[in-house]
Amino acid sequence: MTELTIAMIDKAEQQRLMTRYLFGEVSEEERAEFEDTYLKNSDVFQELIGLENEIIDRYVLGELPQPDRERFERSFLTHPERRETVEIARSLLAHSASAENVSSHVDSHSRGERLGFTSKPAAWRMQVAAAAVFLLMTTGIFALLIVNRRLGNEVERLRTEQAATAHDREALQQQMESLQADLQKRDSAIEQLAELQNDRNMVSFTLGGEVPRGNNEPAKLIIPASVSFVSLHLTMARDPRSHYNLSVKTAGGNLVWRGQNIQSRTMDGGSQEIALVLPAHLFQNGDYVIRVTTGREDVFDNVAGFTFRVVKH
């Protein structure tokens, strides 16, 4: 549908749309637009209720064509409250048939009186009065059941809207909780980083690849005795991957530390940096090699290598 409202559609098309809506055969866009229309226009809503009641009555009376009957049973009767509405309609029709039988009996008795059967006028008057009271009660019950059916339709609509609102509220709450959790993690990471950077018991050391210094001597990591942690910053050329495996070994091949799935960050100059903090007690005086790889331990690709010399004092 376009921006045309229901009021601009001819009656036949409007009834077809209402029938498709009641049978659940409209698209989400058509359903949303039509519900918005009848919520704003009470006449359209009353016409929808009237059409729904008419379809129910015709179904109960067996007057619906077979295709429409199958559509009705396939869509309308799958809802428990709608099945209850159909049962109410069935009861209404039963009351109506009973009232018609009483009315026929009274009319027959009246004809008998006019033909000369006047032997018990008092009893006849009592029967007429009782029939009138019964008809009045039946009419009242019929009216109350109609009102109850309409109220049931309105309650069902409000319940559907309430369920949709509750679902949206729950989804929004989950999004808010997720965002709050992310913010807390970020704040915690920032606080930890700030504590480490401000900690006097940490020394920072940056390596930029296997670039020899002086007479092919490796870079020196000087670790004072008072230092508890070493902050390593490994700078590499730009790489499409973002997570790496790292191993720190002595020059003789002894494993000192290993880490997996360590995330890197892209620097302003286009290079990549891996930052990690290691306990200072892992290092002794001597040469060390850091290997950066990707993949499994048995099948891996070398990405970068770094060598340095530790001097503790």
Protein backbone atom coordinates (compact mmCIF):
# COMPACT_ATOMS: atom_id res chain seq x y z
CA MET A 1 0.00 0.00 0.00
CA THR A 2 0.97 3.62 -0.51
CA GLU A 3 0.12 6.65 1.65
CA LEU A 4 -3.56 6.36 0.72
CA THR A 5 -5.72 5.94 3.79
CA ILE A 6 -8.50 3.40 4.16
CA ALA A 7 -11.09 6.17 3.76
CA MET A 8 -9.87 6.75 0.18
CA ILE A 9 -10.33 3.10 -0.82
CA ASP A 10 -13.69 2.01 -2.15
CA LYS A 11 -15.87 -0.12 0.09
CA ALA A 12 -15.28 -3.35 -1.83
CA GLU A 13 -11.50 -2.98 -1.62
CA GLN A 14 -11.75 -1.98 2.04
CA GLN A 15 -13.78 -5.10 2.84
CA ARG A 16 -11.30 -7.29 0.95
CA LEU A 17 -8.45 -5.77 2.93
CA MET A 18 -10.31 -6.30 6.22
CA THR A 19 -11.04 -9.92 5.29
CA ARG A 20 -7.39 -10.56 4.44
CA TYR A 21 -6.38 -8.88 7.70
CA LEU A 22 -8.72 -11.08 9.75
CA PHE A 23 -7.41 -14.18 7.97
CA GLY A 24 -3.78 -13.13 8.55
CA GLU A 25 -3.01 -12.80 4.84
CA VAL A 26 -1.54 -9.28 4.79
CA SER A 27 2.10 -8.27 4.81
CA GLU A 28 3.76 -6.69 7.84
CA GLU A 29 3.64 -3.28 6.14
CA GLU A 30 -0.08 -3.62 5.30
CA ARG A 31 -0.87 -4.86 8.80
CA ALA A 32 0.97 -1.98 10.51
CA GLU A 33 -0.64 0.64 8.25
CA PHE A 34 -4.14 -0.80 8.64
CA GLU A 35 -3.84 -1.08 12.45
CA ASP A 36 -2.65 2.52 12.60
CA THR A 37 -5.72 3.50 10.57
CA TYR A 38 -8.36 1.74 12.66
CA LEU A 39 -6.73 2.94 15.89
CA LYS A 40 -7.26 6.50 14.67
CA ASN A 41 -10.68 5.94 13.06
CA SER A 42 -13.36 4.42 15.28
CA ASP A 43 -15.73 3.95 12.31
CA VAL A 44 -13.21 1.72 10.56
CA PHE A 45 -12.66 -0.21 13.78
CA GLN A 46 -16.41 -0.74 14.28
CA GLU A 47 -16.73 -1.89 10.66
CA LEU A 48 -13.86 -4.34 11.22
CA ILE A 49 -15.59 -5.73 14.33
CA GLY A 50 -18.87 -6.00 12.43
CA LEU A 51 -17.20 -7.88 9.57
CA GLU A 52 -15.48 -10.21 12.04
CA ASN A 53 -18.80 -10.96 13.77
CA GLU A 54 -20.49 -11.55 10.40
CA ILE A 55 -17.79 -14.01 9.32
CA ILE A 56 -18.04 -15.86 12.65
CA ASP A 57 -21.83 -16.08 12.41
CA ARG A 58 -21.69 -17.34 8.83
CA TYR A 59 -19.11 -19.94 9.86
CA VAL A 60 -21.27 -21.15 12.75
CA LEU A 61 -24.33 -21.31 10.48
CA GLY A 62 -22.35 -23.19 7.83
CA GLU A 63 -22.88 -20.42 5.26
CA LEU A 64 -19.22 -19.74 4.46
CA PRO A 65 -18.03 -21.09 1.08
CA GLN A 66 -15.61 -23.98 1.41
CA PRO A 67 -12.48 -21.94 0.46
CA ASP A 68 -13.35 -19.22 3.00
CA ARG A 69 -14.19 -21.86 5.60
CA GLU A 70 -10.76 -23.43 5.15
CA ARG A 71 -9.09 -20.00 5.39
CA PHE A 72 -11.09 -19.30 8.55
CA GLU A 73 -10.12 -22.57 10.23
CA ARG A 74 -6.48 -22.29 9.14
CA SER A 75 -5.94 -18.79 10.53
CA PHE A 76 -8.74 -17.60 12.79
CA LEU A 77 -9.30 -20.74 14.86
CA THR A 78 -5.61 -21.15 15.72
CA HIS A 79 -5.99 -18.44 18.40
CA PRO A 80 -7.55 -19.64 21.72
CA GLU A 81 -9.46 -16.42 22.40
CA ARG A 82 -10.88 -16.38 18.88
CA ARG A 83 -12.04 -19.97 19.30
CA GLU A 84 -13.82 -18.84 22.47
CA THR A 85 -15.50 -16.05 20.49
CA VAL A 86 -16.75 -18.63 17.98
CA GLU A 87 -18.20 -20.71 20.83
CA ILE A 88 -19.97 -17.62 22.18
CA ALA A 89 -21.46 -17.02 18.74
CA ARG A 90 -22.60 -20.63 18.67
CA SER A 91 -24.34 -20.12 22.02
CA LEU A 92 -25.96 -16.91 20.77
CA LEU A 93 -27.43 -18.69 17.79
CA ALA A 94 -28.71 -21.49 20.04
CA HIS A 95 -30.47 -18.92 22.28
CA SER A 96 -31.88 -17.21 19.22
CA ALA A 97 -33.30 -20.48 17.89
CA SER A 98 -34.85 -21.23 21.29
CA ALA A 99 -36.48 -17.79 21.39
CA GLU A 100 -37.90 -18.30 17.92
CA ASN A 101 -39.45 -21.63 19.03
CA VAL A 102 -41.13 -19.94 22.01
CA SER A 103 -42.41 -17.13 19.79
CA SER A 104 -43.87 -19.67 17.35
CA HIS A 105 -45.57 -21.47 20.22
CA VAL A 106 -47.13 -18.23 21.49
CA ASP A 107 -48.34 -17.27 18.01
CA SER A 108 -49.92 -20.72 17.58
CA HIS A 109 -51.66 -20.44 20.93
CA SER A 110 -52.94 -16.98 20.05
CA ARG A 111 -54.41 -18.28 16.81
CA GLY A 112 -56.14 -21.01 18.77
CA GLU A 113 -57.75 -18.43 21.05
CA ARG A 114 -59.02 -16.49 18.07
CA LEU A 115 -60.54 -19.68 16.66
CA GLY A 116 -62.57 -20.22 19.85
CA PHE A 117 -60.23 -22.02 22.26
CA THR A 118 -60.99 -19.65 25.15
CA SER A 119 -61.66 -22.09 27.92
CA LYS A 120 -58.62 -21.06 29.98
CA PRO A 121 -57.98 -17.33 29.36
CA ALA A 122 -56.11 -16.85 32.64
CA ALA A 123 -53.66 -19.66 31.92
CA TRP A 124 -53.17 -18.39 28.41
CA ARG A 125 -52.34 -14.91 29.72
CA MET A 126 -49.80 -16.41 32.11
CA GLN A 127 -48.16 -18.29 29.27
CA VAL A 128 -48.02 -15.15 27.13
CA ALA A 129 -46.50 -13.20 30.01
CA ALA A 130 -43.93 -15.93 30.65
CA ALA A 131 -43.04 -16.04 26.97
CA ALA A 132 -42.63 -12.27 26.91
CA VAL A 133 -40.34 -12.39 29.93
CA PHE A 134 -38.33 -15.19 28.34
CA LEU A 135 -37.98 -13.24 25.10
CA LEU A 136 -36.89 -10.17 27.03
CA MET A 137 -34.30 -12.15 28.97
CA THR A 138 -33.04 -13.83 25.82
CA THR A 139 -32.75 -10.48 24.06
CA GLY A 140 -30.82 -9.08 27.04
CA ILE A 141 -28.48 -12.04 27.12
CA PHE A 142 -27.97 -11.74 23.37
CA ALA A 143 -27.07 -8.04 23.72
CA LEU A 144 -24.69 -8.75 26.61
CA LEU A 145 -22.93 -11.47 24.65
CA ILE A 146 -22.49 -9.15 21.67
CA VAL A 147 -21.00 -6.50 23.96
CA ASN A 148 -18.77 -9.16 25.52
CA ARG A 149 -17.57 -10.26 22.09
CA ARG A 150 -16.70 -6.71 21.11
CA LEU A 151 -14.93 -6.13 24.42
CA GLY A 152 -13.04 -9.36 23.88
CA ASN A 153 -11.85 -8.14 20.48
CA GLU A 154 -10.74 -4.86 21.99
CA VAL A 155 -8.93 -6.62 24.84
CA GLU A 156 -7.18 -8.89 22.35
CA ARG A 157 -6.00 -5.90 20.34
CA LEU A 158 -4.74 -4.10 23.45
CA ARG A 159 -3.02 -7.26 24.65
CA THR A 160 -1.23 -7.60 21.32
CA GLU A 161 -0.07 -4.00 21.49
CA GLN A 162 1.04 -4.45 25.09
CA ALA A 163 3.04 -7.57 24.19
CA ALA A 164 4.74 -5.73 21.31
CA THR A 165 5.57 -2.80 23.61
CA ALA A 166 6.96 -5.15 26.26
CA HIS A 167 9.12 -6.91 23.65
CA ASP A 168 10.51 -3.58 22.42
CA ARG A 169 11.16 -2.47 26.00
CA GLU A 170 12.99 -5.71 26.77
CA ALA A 171 15.14 -5.41 23.63
CA LEU A 172 16.00 -1.80 24.52
CA GLN A 173 16.88 -2.84 28.08
CA GLN A 174 19.21 -5.55 26.78
CA GLN A 175 20.91 -3.05 24.48
CA MET A 176 21.38 -0.63 27.37
CA GLU A 177 22.82 -3.37 29.59
CA SER A 178 25.19 -4.44 26.82
CA LEU A 179 26.38 -0.86 26.30
CA GLN A 180 26.86 -0.38 30.04
CA ALA A 181 28.90 -3.57 30.24
CA ASP A 182 31.09 -2.42 27.32
CA LEU A 183 31.60 0.96 28.99
CA GLN A 184 32.58 -0.69 32.26
CA LYS A 185 35.10 -2.93 30.49
CA ARG A 186 36.56 0.05 28.67
CA ASP A 187 36.81 2.11 31.87
CA SER A 188 38.41 -0.82 33.68
CA ALA A 189 40.97 -1.29 30.89
CA ILE A 190 41.77 2.43 30.90
CA GLU A 191 42.22 2.42 34.67
CA GLN A 192 44.50 -0.61 34.55
CA LEU A 193 46.56 0.92 31.77
CA ALA A 194 46.85 4.19 33.66
CA GLU A 195 47.93 2.36 36.81
CA LEU A 196 50.56 0.44 34.89
CA GLN A 197 51.85 3.55 33.14
CA ASN A 198 52.02 5.47 36.40
CA ASP A 199 53.57 2.60 38.30
CA ARG A 200 57.20 3.32 39.14
CA ASN A 201 57.85 -0.42 39.27
CA MET A 202 57.56 -0.78 35.49
CA VAL A 203 60.01 -0.09 32.70
CA SER A 204 58.91 0.50 29.10
CA PHE A 205 60.82 -1.02 26.19
CA THR A 206 60.13 -0.58 22.44
CA LEU A 207 61.39 -2.83 19.68
CA GLY A 208 61.05 -1.97 16.01
CA GLY A 209 62.05 -5.09 14.12
CA GLU A 210 65.37 -6.74 13.51
CA VAL A 211 67.31 -3.55 12.83
CA PRO A 212 70.90 -3.95 14.02
CA ARG A 213 72.44 -1.24 16.17
CA GLY A 214 76.12 -0.32 16.23
CA ASN A 215 78.29 -3.30 15.57
CA ASN A 216 75.32 -5.67 15.09
CA GLU A 217 74.57 -5.49 18.80
CA PRO A 218 70.92 -6.04 19.81
CA ALA A 219 68.90 -3.40 21.62
CA LYS A 220 69.43 -3.38 25.37
CA LEU A 221 66.62 -3.73 27.91
CA ILE A 222 67.93 -2.35 31.17
CA ILE A 223 65.91 -3.60 34.16
CA PRO A 224 66.67 -1.93 37.51
CA ALA A 225 66.39 -4.12 40.60
CA SER A 226 63.39 -2.11 41.86
CA VAL A 227 61.32 -2.79 38.71
CA SER A 228 58.57 -5.45 38.85
CA PHE A 229 57.15 -5.30 35.30
CA VAL A 230 58.37 -4.79 31.75
CA SER A 231 56.08 -3.08 29.22
CA LEU A 232 57.03 -4.33 25.76
CA HIS A 233 55.95 -2.47 22.60
CA LEU A 234 56.61 -4.36 19.36
CA THR A 235 56.30 -2.29 16.18
CA MET A 236 55.74 -4.11 12.87
CA ALA A 237 54.91 -3.27 9.28
CA ARG A 238 51.25 -3.08 8.35
CA ASP A 239 49.61 -6.53 8.25
CA PRO A 240 46.02 -7.43 7.31
CA ARG A 241 45.70 -9.65 10.39
CA SER A 242 45.02 -8.27 13.86
CA HIS A 243 45.65 -11.18 16.27
CA TYR A 244 48.97 -12.97 16.75
CA ASN A 245 50.82 -15.59 18.79
CA LEU A 246 54.00 -14.54 20.62
CA SER A 247 56.85 -16.51 22.16
CA VAL A 248 59.81 -15.18 24.16
CA LYS A 249 62.87 -17.44 24.26
CA THR A 250 66.45 -17.19 25.35
CA ALA A 251 69.17 -17.20 22.70
CA GLY A 252 69.72 -20.85 23.62
CA GLY A 253 66.09 -21.74 22.78
CA ASN A 254 64.59 -22.02 26.28
CA LEU A 255 60.96 -20.84 26.39
CA VAL A 256 60.41 -17.94 28.78
CA TRP A 257 56.83 -16.90 27.94
CA ARG A 258 54.15 -17.67 25.36
CA GLY A 259 50.86 -15.91 24.51
CA GLN A 260 48.13 -16.61 21.95
CA ASN A 261 45.52 -14.54 20.14
CA ILE A 262 47.08 -11.25 21.20
CA GLN A 263 45.46 -8.24 19.55
CA SER A 264 47.45 -5.52 17.85
CA ARG A 265 46.53 -1.91 17.10
CA THR A 266 47.16 0.23 14.04
CA MET A 267 49.41 3.26 14.60
CA ASP A 268 48.96 6.66 12.99
CA GLY A 269 51.90 6.09 10.66
CA GLY A 270 50.36 2.92 9.24
CA SER A 271 52.43 0.46 11.24
CA GLN A 272 51.07 -2.04 13.77
CA GLU A 273 51.94 -2.33 17.43
CA ILE A 274 51.64 -5.20 19.89
CA ALA A 275 51.75 -4.16 23.54
CA LEU A 276 52.10 -6.54 26.47
CA VAL A 277 53.24 -6.42 30.09
CA LEU A 278 55.47 -9.18 31.48
CA PRO A 279 56.86 -9.75 34.98
CA ALA A 280 60.46 -8.59 35.27
CA HIS A 281 61.53 -11.76 37.09
CA LEU A 282 61.14 -13.75 33.83
CA PHE A 283 64.28 -12.10 32.45
CA GLN A 284 67.91 -12.67 33.40
CA ASN A 285 71.04 -11.15 31.94
CA GLY A 286 71.47 -12.36 28.38
CA ASP A 287 70.05 -12.30 24.85
CA TYR A 288 66.40 -13.02 23.99
CA VAL A 289 64.34 -13.61 20.84
CA ILE A 290 60.66 -12.73 20.33
CA ARG A 291 58.79 -14.46 17.50
CA VAL A 292 55.42 -13.21 16.17
CA THR A 293 53.42 -15.88 14.32
CA THR A 294 49.91 -16.75 13.20
CA GLY A 295 48.12 -20.10 12.92
CA ARG A 296 48.40 -23.25 15.00
CA GLU A 297 51.48 -24.27 16.91
CA ASP A 298 52.26 -27.09 14.48
CA VAL A 299 51.36 -25.10 11.35
CA PHE A 300 52.22 -21.42 11.64
CA ASP A 301 53.45 -18.45 9.63
CA ASN A 302 56.24 -16.19 10.80
CA VAL A 303 55.22 -12.53 10.83
CA ALA A 304 58.09 -10.76 12.61
CA GLY A 305 61.07 -11.38 14.88
CA PHE A 306 62.78 -9.26 17.52
CA THR A 307 66.08 -9.70 19.40
CA PHE A 308 67.23 -7.83 22.50
CA ARG A 309 69.67 -8.10 25.36
CA VAL A 310 68.67 -7.87 29.02
CA VAL A 311 70.87 -6.09 31.49
CA LYS A 312 69.75 -6.24 35.13
CA HIS A 313 71.36 -4.19 37.87
